[in-house]
Protein backbone atom coordinates (compact mmCIF):
# COMPACT_ATOMS: atom_id res chain seq x y z
CA MET A 1 141.86 55.64 90.72
CA SER A 2 142.68 58.78 88.80
CA ASN A 3 142.46 58.44 84.90
CA VAL A 4 144.91 61.49 83.64
CA GLU A 5 144.59 61.28 79.91
CA GLU A 6 146.32 63.57 77.00
CA THR A 7 144.61 65.23 74.67
CA LEU A 8 145.20 67.57 71.29
CA SER A 9 143.99 70.63 71.25
CA ILE A 10 144.54 72.78 68.32
CA ILE A 11 143.96 76.66 68.27
CA LYS A 12 142.60 77.33 64.96
CA PRO A 13 143.66 80.28 62.25
CA ASP A 14 141.02 82.45 63.29
CA ALA A 15 142.12 82.52 66.77
CA VAL A 16 145.91 83.07 65.89
CA ASP A 17 144.58 85.80 63.46
CA ARG A 18 143.12 87.74 66.30
CA ASN A 19 146.66 86.81 68.65
CA LEU A 20 143.65 85.01 71.29
CA ASP A 21 146.21 82.14 71.67
CA ASN A 22 147.75 83.31 74.87
CA GLU A 23 144.04 84.00 76.42
CA ILE A 24 142.64 80.12 75.11
CA LYS A 25 145.78 78.90 76.87
CA GLU A 26 145.19 80.97 80.03
CA MET A 27 141.42 79.53 79.99
CA PHE A 28 142.71 75.62 79.58
CA LYS A 29 145.31 76.61 82.47
CA ASN A 30 142.16 78.21 84.85
CA LYS A 31 140.55 74.75 84.22
CA GLY A 32 143.58 72.50 85.77
CA PHE A 33 145.06 71.26 82.25
CA SER A 34 148.81 70.98 82.18
CA ILE A 35 150.34 72.32 78.36
CA LEU A 36 152.56 69.61 77.87
CA LYS A 37 153.98 70.63 74.69
CA GLU A 38 153.48 73.44 71.96
CA LYS A 39 154.60 74.66 68.83
CA LYS A 40 153.44 77.47 66.43
CA ILE A 41 153.01 75.73 63.00
CA GLN A 42 151.88 76.38 59.69
CA ILE A 43 150.51 73.22 57.49
CA GLU A 44 150.06 72.30 54.13
CA LYS A 45 146.32 71.79 52.90
CA SER A 46 147.94 68.02 51.92
CA GLU A 47 148.67 67.43 55.78
CA ALA A 48 145.70 68.79 56.92
CA GLU A 49 143.39 66.40 54.18
CA LYS A 50 145.50 63.74 56.16
CA PHE A 51 144.90 65.12 59.85
CA TYR A 52 140.90 65.37 58.85
CA LYS A 53 141.09 62.43 56.97
CA VAL A 54 138.04 60.76 59.11
CA HIS A 55 135.97 63.38 57.56
CA GLU A 56 136.89 62.88 54.31
CA THR A 57 133.48 61.57 53.22
CA LYS A 58 131.54 64.25 54.82
CA PRO A 59 130.66 67.50 52.58
CA PHE A 60 132.61 70.03 55.01
CA TYR A 61 135.76 68.40 54.45
CA ASN A 62 137.40 70.36 51.64
CA ASP A 63 136.30 74.06 53.15
CA LEU A 64 137.72 72.55 56.44
CA CYS A 65 141.50 71.58 55.40
CA ALA A 66 141.66 74.72 53.54
CA TYR A 67 140.72 76.52 56.50
CA LEU A 68 143.42 74.75 59.14
CA SER A 69 145.84 75.33 56.13
CA SER A 70 144.65 78.95 55.60
CA GLY A 71 147.05 80.34 58.38
CA PRO A 72 149.27 79.92 61.17
CA ILE A 73 147.88 77.11 64.17
CA VAL A 74 149.11 76.47 67.68
CA VAL A 75 148.95 72.58 68.62
CA MET A 76 149.51 71.55 72.34
CA VAL A 77 148.95 68.34 74.09
CA LEU A 78 147.07 68.85 76.88
CA GLU A 79 147.20 66.54 80.12
CA LYS A 80 144.39 66.30 82.93
CA GLU A 81 142.44 63.99 84.44
CA ASN A 82 139.66 62.91 81.80
CA ALA A 83 141.10 65.49 79.38
CA VAL A 84 139.42 64.29 76.18
CA LEU A 85 136.05 65.12 78.02
CA ALA A 86 136.98 67.93 80.03
CA ASN A 87 138.61 69.64 76.77
CA ARG A 88 135.29 68.73 74.74
CA GLU A 89 133.13 70.49 77.68
CA LEU A 90 135.68 73.72 77.61
CA MET A 91 135.66 73.94 73.98
CA GLY A 92 131.99 74.00 74.21
CA ALA A 93 129.57 72.86 70.92
CA THR A 94 131.11 72.99 67.46
CA ASN A 95 128.63 75.73 66.20
CA PRO A 96 129.59 78.92 68.89
CA ASN A 97 125.98 79.80 68.55
CA ASP A 98 124.45 76.68 70.48
CA ALA A 99 127.81 76.59 72.81
CA GLU A 100 127.30 77.42 76.18
CA GLU A 101 128.48 80.61 78.31
CA GLY A 102 132.18 80.15 79.59
CA THR A 103 133.43 77.82 76.64
CA ILE A 104 136.00 79.17 74.19
CA ARG A 105 133.82 78.65 71.37
CA LYS A 106 131.25 80.55 72.62
CA LYS A 107 133.63 83.55 73.89
CA TYR A 108 135.83 83.11 70.65
CA GLY A 109 134.06 81.55 68.02
CA ILE A 110 133.22 82.97 64.67
CA SER A 111 131.12 80.79 62.92
CA ILE A 112 130.69 76.82 62.40
CA ASP A 113 133.88 76.62 60.19
CA LYS A 114 135.90 79.41 62.70
CA ASN A 115 135.05 77.99 65.50
CA SER A 116 138.65 78.80 67.01
CA VAL A 117 139.67 75.50 68.40
CA HIS A 118 139.81 71.42 67.59
CA GLY A 119 140.07 68.79 70.55
CA SER A 120 140.32 65.29 70.02
CA ASP A 121 137.23 63.64 70.76
CA SER A 122 138.10 60.21 71.65
CA VAL A 123 141.14 58.45 74.01
CA GLU A 124 142.02 56.55 70.73
CA ASN A 125 141.70 59.94 68.52
CA ALA A 126 143.88 61.74 70.56
CA LYS A 127 146.74 59.71 70.88
CA ILE A 128 146.33 59.71 66.85
CA GLU A 129 146.40 63.42 66.69
CA ILE A 130 149.15 63.64 69.14
CA ASP A 131 151.85 61.46 66.72
CA PHE A 132 150.33 63.19 64.04
CA PHE A 133 151.61 66.39 65.32
CA PHE A 134 154.46 65.03 67.86
CA ASN A 135 156.04 62.42 65.62
CA ASP A 136 159.28 63.70 67.06
């Protein structure tokens, strides 16, 4: 029985600013992901605050929201078998220094904050995050 899932991926401002969006999309495609939907947008800080609400008690919350709204981002719906886990494996550890070779964050991440990509951490959150950006 196949377990095809959808997950949300965000190419963050640091990667978009360096024109890495197409290279990152290629990495997803090479790993068997289908990009079902994508759009390049710029969000307000208030929208970032809603998106990252799950983190609002954490010390990095304000910086995270300011950063996500600091420039254009590319939001995508990815589909693949076990997409959530597969995407997290491809992204690599949050801190690029700890990420494995061949992962997006190892290759393109600048710092723990500017780590180039976001991906949903569970099937449940993937649905919430996809609806947040693609509720039309």
